Amino acid sequence: MNLIQTINKKVVIGVTIILIATAVTLILNKPAYKVELFKVDNGWGYEIELAGETYIHQPFIPSIQSIKPFPSKKLAKKTAYLVIKKLKHGELPTLTIEDINNLGLLNEDR
């Protein structure tokens, strides 16, 4: 192997190491969201934390005309995880009536 081939091989190895290190750093530094569920009058709410700070505090079902808490802990949690999914995909953390309906929140007896 001549000198140029040796240098090229070392450059390729070095660039590969840098790319792998960058990928690992990006994967490990993804925002870690945490969901906290809490009891409110006649139902449940959720809070989404990011880096130990409250990011979203949601004591009632969003996108509907009345102020009603989530009817169950399970539905509050399911809603919080949909919001986190949107955030992770770079979307706004808003929910549409269609989202609310798909979660089963419009069909619940309250």
PDB file of N, CA and C in Angstrom:
ATOM      1  N   MET A   1       0.847  -1.170   0.000  1.00  0.00           N
ATOM      2  CA  MET A   1       0.000   0.000   0.000  1.00  0.00           C
ATOM      3  C   MET A   1       0.898   1.240   0.000  1.00  0.00           C
ATOM      4  N   ASN A   2       0.570   2.193  -0.838  1.00  0.00           N
ATOM      5  CA  ASN A   2       1.392   3.392  -0.866  1.00  0.00           C
ATOM      6  C   ASN A   2       0.860   4.423   0.135  1.00  0.00           C
ATOM      7  N   LEU A   3       1.561   5.508   0.281  1.00  0.00           N
ATOM      8  CA  LEU A   3       1.251   6.544   1.266  1.00  0.00           C
ATOM      9  C   LEU A   3      -0.124   7.160   1.037  1.00  0.00           C
ATOM     10  N   ILE A   4      -0.495   7.428  -0.208  1.00  0.00           N
ATOM     11  CA  ILE A   4      -1.787   8.052  -0.506  1.00  0.00           C
ATOM     12  C   ILE A   4      -2.936   7.112  -0.131  1.00  0.00           C
ATOM     13  N   GLN A   5      -2.806   5.832  -0.420  1.00  0.00           N
ATOM     14  CA  GLN A   5      -3.843   4.879  -0.063  1.00  0.00           C
ATOM     15  C   GLN A   5      -3.991   4.774   1.454  1.00  0.00           C
ATOM     16  N   THR A   6      -2.896   4.812   2.177  1.00  0.00           N
ATOM     17  CA  THR A   6      -2.921   4.765   3.638  1.00  0.00           C
ATOM     18  C   THR A   6      -3.630   5.997   4.198  1.00  0.00           C
ATOM     19  N   ILE A   7      -3.309   7.175   3.658  1.00  0.00           N
ATOM     20  CA  ILE A   7      -3.945   8.421   4.118  1.00  0.00           C
ATOM     21  C   ILE A   7      -5.439   8.384   3.810  1.00  0.00           C
ATOM     22  N   ASN A   8      -5.812   7.955   2.596  1.00  0.00           N
ATOM     23  CA  ASN A   8      -7.230   7.874   2.227  1.00  0.00           C
ATOM     24  C   ASN A   8      -7.992   6.923   3.143  1.00  0.00           C
ATOM     25  N   LYS A   9      -7.373   5.794   3.462  1.00  0.00           N
ATOM     26  CA  LYS A   9      -8.016   4.822   4.347  1.00  0.00           C
ATOM     27  C   LYS A   9      -8.233   5.425   5.734  1.00  0.00           C
ATOM     28  N   LYS A  10      -7.250   6.155   6.257  1.00  0.00           N
ATOM     29  CA  LYS A  10      -7.375   6.789   7.569  1.00  0.00           C
ATOM     30  C   LYS A  10      -8.432   7.884   7.560  1.00  0.00           C
ATOM     31  N   VAL A  11      -8.529   8.628   6.461  1.00  0.00           N
ATOM     32  CA  VAL A  11      -9.552   9.672   6.343  1.00  0.00           C
ATOM     33  C   VAL A  11     -10.944   9.051   6.343  1.00  0.00           C
ATOM     34  N   VAL A  12     -11.123   7.982   5.587  1.00  0.00           N
ATOM     35  CA  VAL A  12     -12.418   7.297   5.530  1.00  0.00           C
ATOM     36  C   VAL A  12     -12.789   6.762   6.910  1.00  0.00           C
ATOM     37  N   ILE A  13     -11.861   6.168   7.604  1.00  0.00           N
ATOM     38  CA  ILE A  13     -12.115   5.650   8.959  1.00  0.00           C
ATOM     39  C   ILE A  13     -12.470   6.798   9.899  1.00  0.00           C
ATOM     40  N   GLY A  14     -11.730   7.888   9.812  1.00  0.00           N
ATOM     41  CA  GLY A  14     -11.992   9.053  10.661  1.00  0.00           C
ATOM     42  C   GLY A  14     -13.369   9.649  10.408  1.00  0.00           C
ATOM     43  N   VAL A  15     -13.732   9.801   9.149  1.00  0.00           N
ATOM     44  CA  VAL A  15     -15.052  10.350   8.803  1.00  0.00           C
ATOM     45  C   VAL A  15     -16.156   9.406   9.269  1.00  0.00           C
ATOM     46  N   THR A  16     -15.953   8.116   9.127  1.00  0.00           N
ATOM     47  CA  THR A  16     -16.938   7.131   9.578  1.00  0.00           C
ATOM     48  C   THR A  16     -17.139   7.227  11.083  1.00  0.00           C
ATOM     49  N   ILE A  17     -16.078   7.348  11.829  1.00  0.00           N
ATOM     50  CA  ILE A  17     -16.172   7.481  13.289  1.00  0.00           C
ATOM     51  C   ILE A  17     -16.934   8.747  13.656  1.00  0.00           C
ATOM     52  N   ILE A  18     -16.649   9.844  12.976  1.00  0.00           N
ATOM     53  CA  ILE A  18     -17.342  11.104  13.254  1.00  0.00           C
ATOM     54  C   ILE A  18     -18.834  10.975  12.952  1.00  0.00           C
ATOM     55  N   LEU A  19     -19.182  10.343  11.829  1.00  0.00           N
ATOM     56  CA  LEU A  19     -20.593  10.158  11.480  1.00  0.00           C
ATOM     57  C   LEU A  19     -21.323   9.290  12.500  1.00  0.00           C
ATOM     58  N   ILE A  20     -20.676   8.228  12.933  1.00  0.00           N
ATOM     59  CA  ILE A  20     -21.289   7.349  13.939  1.00  0.00           C
ATOM     60  C   ILE A  20     -21.472   8.107  15.258  1.00  0.00           C
ATOM     61  N   ALA A  21     -20.459   8.844  15.671  1.00  0.00           N
ATOM     62  CA  ALA A  21     -20.549   9.618  16.916  1.00  0.00           C
ATOM     63  C   ALA A  21     -21.659  10.659  16.829  1.00  0.00           C
ATOM     64  N   THR A  22     -21.787  11.304  15.688  1.00  0.00           N
ATOM     65  CA  THR A  22     -22.849  12.302  15.500  1.00  0.00           C
ATOM     66  C   THR A  22     -24.224  11.648  15.570  1.00  0.00           C
ATOM     67  N   ALA A  23     -24.383  10.505  14.918  1.00  0.00           N
ATOM     68  CA  ALA A  23     -25.669   9.798  14.939  1.00  0.00           C
ATOM     69  C   ALA A  23     -26.037   9.379  16.359  1.00  0.00           C
ATOM     70  N   VAL A  24     -25.089   8.839  17.091  1.00  0.00           N
ATOM     71  CA  VAL A  24     -25.338   8.423  18.479  1.00  0.00           C
ATOM     72  C   VAL A  24     -25.723   9.627  19.328  1.00  0.00           C
ATOM     73  N   THR A  25     -25.035  10.744  19.157  1.00  0.00           N
ATOM     74  CA  THR A  25     -25.337  11.962  19.915  1.00  0.00           C
ATOM     75  C   THR A  25     -26.748  12.441  19.607  1.00  0.00           C
ATOM     76  N   LEU A  26     -27.131  12.448  18.357  1.00  0.00           N
ATOM     77  CA  LEU A  26     -28.478  12.890  17.988  1.00  0.00           C
ATOM     78  C   LEU A  26     -29.545  11.969  18.566  1.00  0.00           C
ATOM     79  N   ILE A  27     -29.294  10.681  18.538  1.00  0.00           N
ATOM     80  CA  ILE A  27     -30.262   9.726  19.077  1.00  0.00           C
ATOM     81  C   ILE A  27     -30.396   9.886  20.587  1.00  0.00           C
ATOM     82  N   LEU A  28     -29.287  10.037  21.275  1.00  0.00           N
ATOM     83  CA  LEU A  28     -29.320  10.141  22.737  1.00  0.00           C
ATOM     84  C   LEU A  28     -29.836  11.481  23.225  1.00  0.00           C
ATOM     85  N   ASN A  29     -29.748  12.508  22.409  1.00  0.00           N
ATOM     86  CA  ASN A  29     -30.172  13.841  22.822  1.00  0.00           C
ATOM     87  C   ASN A  29     -31.576  14.202  22.371  1.00  0.00           C
ATOM     88  N   LYS A  30     -32.359  13.217  21.938  1.00  0.00           N
ATOM     89  CA  LYS A  30     -33.751  13.496  21.605  1.00  0.00           C
ATOM     90  C   LYS A  30     -34.455  13.926  22.881  1.00  0.00           C
ATOM     91  N   PRO A  31     -35.391  14.863  22.763  1.00  0.00           N
ATOM     92  CA  PRO A  31     -36.104  15.309  23.963  1.00  0.00           C
ATOM     93  C   PRO A  31     -36.829  14.153  24.633  1.00  0.00           C
ATOM     94  N   ALA A  32     -36.712  14.080  25.927  1.00  0.00           N
ATOM     95  CA  ALA A  32     -37.401  13.042  26.688  1.00  0.00           C
ATOM     96  C   ALA A  32     -38.642  13.665  27.328  1.00  0.00           C
ATOM     97  N   TYR A  33     -39.790  13.259  26.856  1.00  0.00           N
ATOM     98  CA  TYR A  33     -41.048  13.758  27.403  1.00  0.00           C
ATOM     99  C   TYR A  33     -41.513  12.818  28.507  1.00  0.00           C
ATOM    100  N   LYS A  34     -42.127  13.389  29.502  1.00  0.00           N
ATOM    101  CA  LYS A  34     -42.655  12.602  30.614  1.00  0.00           C
ATOM    102  C   LYS A  34     -44.110  13.006  30.825  1.00  0.00           C
ATOM    103  N   VAL A  35     -44.959  12.028  31.019  1.00  0.00           N
ATOM    104  CA  VAL A  35     -46.384  12.279  31.230  1.00  0.00           C
ATOM    105  C   VAL A  35     -46.727  12.081  32.701  1.00  0.00           C
ATOM    106  N   GLU A  36     -47.420  13.054  33.259  1.00  0.00           N
ATOM    107  CA  GLU A  36     -47.966  12.957  34.611  1.00  0.00           C
ATOM    108  C   GLU A  36     -49.479  13.092  34.500  1.00  0.00           C
ATOM    109  N   LEU A  37     -50.206  12.173  35.087  1.00  0.00           N
ATOM    110  CA  LEU A  37     -51.660  12.237  35.093  1.00  0.00           C
ATOM    111  C   LEU A  37     -52.114  12.737  36.454  1.00  0.00           C
ATOM    112  N   PHE A  38     -53.178  13.526  36.472  1.00  0.00           N
ATOM    113  CA  PHE A  38     -53.650  14.055  37.748  1.00  0.00           C
ATOM    114  C   PHE A  38     -55.176  14.070  37.778  1.00  0.00           C
ATOM    115  N   LYS A  39     -55.698  13.927  38.970  1.00  0.00           N
ATOM    116  CA  LYS A  39     -57.140  13.922  39.197  1.00  0.00           C
ATOM    117  C   LYS A  39     -57.637  15.361  39.274  1.00  0.00           C
ATOM    118  N   VAL A  40     -58.745  15.615  38.603  1.00  0.00           N
ATOM    119  CA  VAL A  40     -59.441  16.903  38.716  1.00  0.00           C
ATOM    120  C   VAL A  40     -60.895  16.591  39.057  1.00  0.00           C
ATOM    121  N   ASP A  41     -61.681  17.621  39.344  1.00  0.00           N
ATOM    122  CA  ASP A  41     -63.098  17.393  39.641  1.00  0.00           C
ATOM    123  C   ASP A  41     -63.745  16.588  38.522  1.00  0.00           C
ATOM    124  N   ASN A  42     -64.334  15.490  38.857  1.00  0.00           N
ATOM    125  CA  ASN A  42     -65.088  14.651  37.914  1.00  0.00           C
ATOM    126  C   ASN A  42     -64.262  14.061  36.776  1.00  0.00           C
ATOM    127  N   GLY A  43     -62.960  13.920  36.917  1.00  0.00           N
ATOM    128  CA  GLY A  43     -62.182  13.311  35.843  1.00  0.00           C
ATOM    129  C   GLY A  43     -60.687  13.420  36.020  1.00  0.00           C
ATOM    130  N   TRP A  44     -60.000  13.476  34.879  1.00  0.00           N
ATOM    131  CA  TRP A  44     -58.545  13.444  34.850  1.00  0.00           C
ATOM    132  C   TRP A  44     -57.978  14.502  33.915  1.00  0.00           C
ATOM    133  N   GLY A  45     -56.730  14.843  34.137  1.00  0.00           N
ATOM    134  CA  GLY A  45     -55.986  15.727  33.266  1.00  0.00           C
ATOM    135  C   GLY A  45     -54.588  15.158  33.088  1.00  0.00           C
ATOM    136  N   TYR A  46     -53.803  15.816  32.250  1.00  0.00           N
ATOM    137  CA  TYR A  46     -52.426  15.363  32.063  1.00  0.00           C
ATOM    138  C   TYR A  46     -51.488  16.555  31.979  1.00  0.00           C
ATOM    139  N   GLU A  47     -50.249  16.251  32.251  1.00  0.00           N
ATOM    140  CA  GLU A  47     -49.186  17.234  32.126  1.00  0.00           C
ATOM    141  C   GLU A  47     -48.046  16.567  31.373  1.00  0.00           C
ATOM    142  N   ILE A  48     -47.476  17.285  30.432  1.00  0.00           N
ATOM    143  CA  ILE A  48     -46.316  16.781  29.700  1.00  0.00           C
ATOM    144  C   ILE A  48     -45.129  17.617  30.144  1.00  0.00           C
ATOM    145  N   GLU A  49     -44.112  16.927  30.607  1.00  0.00           N
ATOM    146  CA  GLU A  49     -42.889  17.592  31.047  1.00  0.00           C
ATOM    147  C   GLU A  49     -41.785  17.356  30.037  1.00  0.00           C
ATOM    148  N   LEU A  50     -40.933  18.351  29.900  1.00  0.00           N
ATOM    149  CA  LEU A  50     -39.768  18.258  29.028  1.00  0.00           C
ATOM    150  C   LEU A  50     -38.594  18.803  29.811  1.00  0.00           C
ATOM    151  N   ALA A  51     -37.564  18.000  29.962  1.00  0.00           N
ATOM    152  CA  ALA A  51     -36.364  18.378  30.716  1.00  0.00           C
ATOM    153  C   ALA A  51     -36.712  18.834  32.135  1.00  0.00           C
ATOM    154  N   GLY A  52     -37.670  18.137  32.751  1.00  0.00           N
ATOM    155  CA  GLY A  52     -38.031  18.419  34.130  1.00  0.00           C
ATOM    156  C   GLY A  52     -38.929  19.629  34.326  1.00  0.00           C
ATOM    157  N   GLU A  53     -39.335  20.285  33.253  1.00  0.00           N
ATOM    158  CA  GLU A  53     -40.191  21.462  33.330  1.00  0.00           C
ATOM    159  C   GLU A  53     -41.554  21.157  32.707  1.00  0.00           C
ATOM    160  N   THR A  54     -42.602  21.765  33.249  1.00  0.00           N
ATOM    161  CA  THR A  54     -43.927  21.595  32.662  1.00  0.00           C
ATOM    162  C   THR A  54     -43.942  22.230  31.283  1.00  0.00           C
ATOM    163  N   TYR A  55     -44.299  21.449  30.292  1.00  0.00           N
ATOM    164  CA  TYR A  55     -44.370  21.921  28.916  1.00  0.00           C
ATOM    165  C   TYR A  55     -45.824  22.159  28.515  1.00  0.00           C
ATOM    166  N   ILE A  56     -46.704  21.222  28.895  1.00  0.00           N
ATOM    167  CA  ILE A  56     -48.137  21.351  28.631  1.00  0.00           C
ATOM    168  C   ILE A  56     -48.885  20.901  29.877  1.00  0.00           C
ATOM    169  N   HIS A  57     -49.829  21.718  30.325  1.00  0.00           N
ATOM    170  CA  HIS A  57     -50.701  21.382  31.449  1.00  0.00           C
ATOM    171  C   HIS A  57     -52.117  21.360  30.893  1.00  0.00           C
ATOM    172  N   GLN A  58     -52.755  20.199  30.865  1.00  0.00           N
ATOM    173  CA  GLN A  58     -54.051  20.054  30.212  1.00  0.00           C
ATOM    174  C   GLN A  58     -55.059  19.415  31.161  1.00  0.00           C
ATOM    175  N   PRO A  59     -55.822  20.231  31.897  1.00  0.00           N
ATOM    176  CA  PRO A  59     -56.782  19.675  32.844  1.00  0.00           C
ATOM    177  C   PRO A  59     -58.142  19.316  32.235  1.00  0.00           C
ATOM    178  N   PHE A  60     -58.341  19.611  30.943  1.00  0.00           N
ATOM    179  CA  PHE A  60     -59.616  19.307  30.312  1.00  0.00           C
ATOM    180  C   PHE A  60     -59.397  18.899  28.851  1.00  0.00           C
ATOM    181  N   ILE A  61     -60.443  18.358  28.243  1.00  0.00           N
ATOM    182  CA  ILE A  61     -60.381  17.899  26.855  1.00  0.00           C
ATOM    183  C   ILE A  61     -60.253  19.124  25.952  1.00  0.00           C
ATOM    184  N   PRO A  62     -59.220  19.175  25.116  1.00  0.00           N
ATOM    185  CA  PRO A  62     -59.076  20.318  24.211  1.00  0.00           C
ATOM    186  C   PRO A  62     -59.990  20.188  22.984  1.00  0.00           C
ATOM    187  N   SER A  63     -60.182  21.272  22.299  1.00  0.00           N
ATOM    188  CA  SER A  63     -60.873  21.316  20.997  1.00  0.00           C
ATOM    189  C   SER A  63     -62.378  21.093  21.040  1.00  0.00           C
ATOM    190  N   ILE A  64     -62.948  21.040  22.222  1.00  0.00           N
ATOM    191  CA  ILE A  64     -64.414  20.955  22.286  1.00  0.00           C
ATOM    192  C   ILE A  64     -64.925  22.248  22.912  1.00  0.00           C
ATOM    193  N   GLN A  65     -66.204  22.525  22.731  1.00  0.00           N
ATOM    194  CA  GLN A  65     -66.741  23.814  23.149  1.00  0.00           C
ATOM    195  C   GLN A  65     -66.931  23.948  24.653  1.00  0.00           C
ATOM    196  N   SER A  66     -67.066  22.854  25.349  1.00  0.00           N
ATOM    197  CA  SER A  66     -67.255  22.934  26.795  1.00  0.00           C
ATOM    198  C   SER A  66     -65.957  22.564  27.515  1.00  0.00           C
ATOM    199  N   ILE A  67     -65.927  22.909  28.777  1.00  0.00           N
ATOM    200  CA  ILE A  67     -64.751  22.582  29.599  1.00  0.00           C
ATOM    201  C   ILE A  67     -65.089  21.322  30.393  1.00  0.00           C
ATOM    202  N   LYS A  68     -64.550  20.198  29.910  1.00  0.00           N
ATOM    203  CA  LYS A  68     -64.796  18.908  30.551  1.00  0.00           C
ATOM    204  C   LYS A  68     -63.465  18.210  30.753  1.00  0.00           C
ATOM    205  N   PRO A  69     -63.283  17.605  31.936  1.00  0.00           N
ATOM    206  CA  PRO A  69     -62.067  16.825  32.151  1.00  0.00           C
ATOM    207  C   PRO A  69     -62.131  15.521  31.358  1.00  0.00           C
ATOM    208  N   PHE A  70     -61.008  14.856  31.260  1.00  0.00           N
ATOM    209  CA  PHE A  70     -60.980  13.543  30.623  1.00  0.00           C
ATOM    210  C   PHE A  70     -61.751  12.588  31.517  1.00  0.00           C
ATOM    211  N   PRO A  71     -62.624  11.760  30.942  1.00  0.00           N
ATOM    212  CA  PRO A  71     -63.471  10.894  31.763  1.00  0.00           C
ATOM    213  C   PRO A  71     -62.729   9.751  32.449  1.00  0.00           C
ATOM    214  N   SER A  72     -61.541   9.413  31.941  1.00  0.00           N
ATOM    215  CA  SER A  72     -60.788   8.326  32.565  1.00  0.00           C
ATOM    216  C   SER A  72     -59.293   8.631  32.500  1.00  0.00           C
ATOM    217  N   LYS A  73     -58.585   8.001  33.390  1.00  0.00           N
ATOM    218  CA  LYS A  73     -57.128   8.121  33.421  1.00  0.00           C
ATOM    219  C   LYS A  73     -56.534   7.582  32.115  1.00  0.00           C
ATOM    220  N   LYS A  74     -57.104   6.488  31.631  1.00  0.00           N
ATOM    221  CA  LYS A  74     -56.637   5.847  30.412  1.00  0.00           C
ATOM    222  C   LYS A  74     -56.748   6.798  29.210  1.00  0.00           C
ATOM    223  N   LEU A  75     -57.862   7.503  29.079  1.00  0.00           N
ATOM    224  CA  LEU A  75     -58.038   8.415  27.948  1.00  0.00           C
ATOM    225  C   LEU A  75     -57.167   9.660  28.071  1.00  0.00           C
ATOM    226  N   ALA A  76     -56.930  10.120  29.285  1.00  0.00           N
ATOM    227  CA  ALA A  76     -56.020  11.251  29.475  1.00  0.00           C
ATOM    228  C   ALA A  76     -54.608  10.851  29.035  1.00  0.00           C
ATOM    229  N   LYS A  77     -54.199   9.660  29.421  1.00  0.00           N
ATOM    230  CA  LYS A  77     -52.869   9.158  29.048  1.00  0.00           C
ATOM    231  C   LYS A  77     -52.754   8.966  27.540  1.00  0.00           C
ATOM    232  N   LYS A  78     -53.754   8.371  26.945  1.00  0.00           N
ATOM    233  CA  LYS A  78     -53.772   8.136  25.503  1.00  0.00           C
ATOM    234  C   LYS A  78     -53.655   9.469  24.740  1.00  0.00           C
ATOM    235  N   THR A  79     -54.348  10.481  25.220  1.00  0.00           N
ATOM    236  CA  THR A  79     -54.311  11.808  24.599  1.00  0.00           C
ATOM    237  C   THR A  79     -52.931  12.425  24.736  1.00  0.00           C
ATOM    238  N   ALA A  80     -52.353  12.326  25.923  1.00  0.00           N
ATOM    239  CA  ALA A  80     -51.012  12.884  26.152  1.00  0.00           C
ATOM    240  C   ALA A  80     -49.994  12.255  25.205  1.00  0.00           C
ATOM    241  N   TYR A  81     -50.083  10.953  25.007  1.00  0.00           N
ATOM    242  CA  TYR A  81     -49.130  10.288  24.119  1.00  0.00           C
ATOM    243  C   TYR A  81     -49.345  10.647  22.645  1.00  0.00           C
ATOM    244  N   LEU A  82     -50.576  10.969  22.272  1.00  0.00           N
ATOM    245  CA  LEU A  82     -50.811  11.457  20.909  1.00  0.00           C
ATOM    246  C   LEU A  82     -50.149  12.830  20.730  1.00  0.00           C
ATOM    247  N   VAL A  83     -50.259  13.685  21.730  1.00  0.00           N
ATOM    248  CA  VAL A  83     -49.627  15.006  21.671  1.00  0.00           C
ATOM    249  C   VAL A  83     -48.101  14.850  21.572  1.00  0.00           C
ATOM    250  N   ILE A  84     -47.527  13.960  22.350  1.00  0.00           N
ATOM    251  CA  ILE A  84     -46.080  13.715  22.297  1.00  0.00           C
ATOM    252  C   ILE A  84     -45.681  13.194  20.916  1.00  0.00           C
ATOM    253  N   LYS A  85     -46.479  12.315  20.355  1.00  0.00           N
ATOM    254  CA  LYS A  85     -46.196  11.796  19.010  1.00  0.00           C
ATOM    255  C   LYS A  85     -46.140  12.947  18.005  1.00  0.00           C
ATOM    256  N   LYS A  86     -47.092  13.875  18.109  1.00  0.00           N
ATOM    257  CA  LYS A  86     -47.093  15.036  17.211  1.00  0.00           C
ATOM    258  C   LYS A  86     -45.832  15.871  17.410  1.00  0.00           C
ATOM    259  N   LEU A  87     -45.466  16.107  18.649  1.00  0.00           N
ATOM    260  CA  LEU A  87     -44.266  16.892  18.939  1.00  0.00           C
ATOM    261  C   LEU A  87     -43.020  16.232  18.358  1.00  0.00           C
ATOM    262  N   LYS A  88     -42.924  14.928  18.504  1.00  0.00           N
ATOM    263  CA  LYS A  88     -41.756  14.202  17.993  1.00  0.00           C
ATOM    264  C   LYS A  88     -41.674  14.222  16.478  1.00  0.00           C
ATOM    265  N   HIS A  89     -42.822  14.419  15.820  1.00  0.00           N
ATOM    266  CA  HIS A  89     -42.849  14.504  14.359  1.00  0.00           C
ATOM    267  C   HIS A  89     -42.767  15.957  13.870  1.00  0.00           C
ATOM    268  N   GLY A  90     -42.471  16.871  14.788  1.00  0.00           N
ATOM    269  CA  GLY A  90     -42.307  18.272  14.414  1.00  0.00           C
ATOM    270  C   GLY A  90     -43.614  19.008  14.187  1.00  0.00           C
ATOM    271  N   GLU A  91     -44.709  18.437  14.636  1.00  0.00           N
ATOM    272  CA  GLU A  91     -46.015  19.072  14.483  1.00  0.00           C
ATOM    273  C   GLU A  91     -46.346  19.910  15.714  1.00  0.00           C
ATOM    274  N   LEU A  92     -47.307  20.811  15.556  1.00  0.00           N
ATOM    275  CA  LEU A  92     -47.804  21.555  16.706  1.00  0.00           C
ATOM    276  C   LEU A  92     -48.566  20.597  17.618  1.00  0.00           C
ATOM    277  N   PRO A  93     -48.552  20.850  18.925  1.00  0.00           N
ATOM    278  CA  PRO A  93     -49.211  19.930  19.853  1.00  0.00           C
ATOM    279  C   PRO A  93     -50.714  20.170  19.980  1.00  0.00           C
ATOM    280  N   THR A  94     -51.354  20.571  18.894  1.00  0.00           N
ATOM    281  CA  THR A  94     -52.788  20.821  18.931  1.00  0.00           C
ATOM    282  C   THR A  94     -53.551  19.580  18.485  1.00  0.00           C
ATOM    283  N   LEU A  95     -54.753  19.449  19.013  1.00  0.00           N
ATOM    284  CA  LEU A  95     -55.597  18.324  18.657  1.00  0.00           C
ATOM    285  C   LEU A  95     -56.852  18.835  17.956  1.00  0.00           C
ATOM    286  N   THR A  96     -57.224  18.142  16.915  1.00  0.00           N
ATOM    287  CA  THR A  96     -58.427  18.495  16.169  1.00  0.00           C
ATOM    288  C   THR A  96     -59.614  17.731  16.729  1.00  0.00           C
ATOM    289  N   ILE A  97     -60.793  18.129  16.299  1.00  0.00           N
ATOM    290  CA  ILE A  97     -61.989  17.376  16.671  1.00  0.00           C
ATOM    291  C   ILE A  97     -61.867  15.931  16.171  1.00  0.00           C
ATOM    292  N   GLU A  98     -61.278  15.767  15.007  1.00  0.00           N
ATOM    293  CA  GLU A  98     -61.074  14.410  14.472  1.00  0.00           C
ATOM    294  C   GLU A  98     -60.162  13.589  15.391  1.00  0.00           C
ATOM    295  N   ASP A  99     -59.077  14.213  15.876  1.00  0.00           N
ATOM    296  CA  ASP A  99     -58.190  13.528  16.831  1.00  0.00           C
ATOM    297  C   ASP A  99     -58.972  13.110  18.077  1.00  0.00           C
ATOM    298  N   ILE A 100     -59.748  14.045  18.593  1.00  0.00           N
ATOM    299  CA  ILE A 100     -60.525  13.788  19.816  1.00  0.00           C
ATOM    300  C   ILE A 100     -61.518  12.654  19.577  1.00  0.00           C
ATOM    301  N   ASN A 101     -62.173  12.680  18.428  1.00  0.00           N
ATOM    302  CA  ASN A 101     -63.126  11.625  18.082  1.00  0.00           C
ATOM    303  C   ASN A 101     -62.424  10.277  17.934  1.00  0.00           C
ATOM    304  N   ASN A 102     -61.250  10.263  17.269  1.00  0.00           N
ATOM    305  CA  ASN A 102     -60.500   9.013  17.090  1.00  0.00           C
ATOM    306  C   ASN A 102     -60.025   8.430  18.415  1.00  0.00           C
ATOM    307  N   LEU A 103     -59.795   9.278  19.388  1.00  0.00           N
ATOM    308  CA  LEU A 103     -59.394   8.799  20.715  1.00  0.00           C
ATOM    309  C   LEU A 103     -60.587   8.227  21.493  1.00  0.00           C
ATOM    310  N   GLY A 104     -61.788   8.466  20.997  1.00  0.00           N
ATOM    311  CA  GLY A 104     -62.983   7.967  21.672  1.00  0.00           C
ATOM    312  C   GLY A 104     -63.532   8.903  22.719  1.00  0.00           C
ATOM    313  N   LEU A 105     -63.073  10.129  22.735  1.00  0.00           N
ATOM    314  CA  LEU A 105     -63.501  11.077  23.762  1.00  0.00           C
ATOM    315  C   LEU A 105     -64.897  11.643  23.515  1.00  0.00           C
ATOM    316  N   LEU A 106     -65.335  11.674  22.287  1.00  0.00           N
ATOM    317  CA  LEU A 106     -66.678  12.199  22.004  1.00  0.00           C
ATOM    318  C   LEU A 106     -67.765  11.162  22.223  1.00  0.00           C
ATOM    319  N   ASN A 107     -67.360   9.909  22.370  1.00  0.00           N
ATOM    320  CA  ASN A 107     -68.331   8.828  22.550  1.00  0.00           C
ATOM    321  C   ASN A 107     -68.535   8.466  24.016  1.00  0.00           C
ATOM    322  N   GLU A 108     -67.724   9.046  24.886  1.00  0.00           N
ATOM    323  CA  GLU A 108     -67.781   8.692  26.306  1.00  0.00           C
ATOM    324  C   GLU A 108     -68.993   9.344  26.989  1.00  0.00           C
ATOM    325  N   ASP A 109     -69.656   8.606  27.826  1.00  0.00           N
ATOM    326  CA  ASP A 109     -70.699   9.207  28.681  1.00  0.00           C
ATOM    327  C   ASP A 109     -69.998   9.904  29.823  1.00  0.00           C
ATOM    328  N   ARG A 110     -70.360  11.126  30.035  1.00  0.00           N
ATOM    329  CA  ARG A 110     -69.726  11.886  31.125  1.00  0.00           C
ATOM    330  C   ARG A 110     -70.754  12.277  32.135  1.00  0.00           C
TER     331      ARG A 110
END
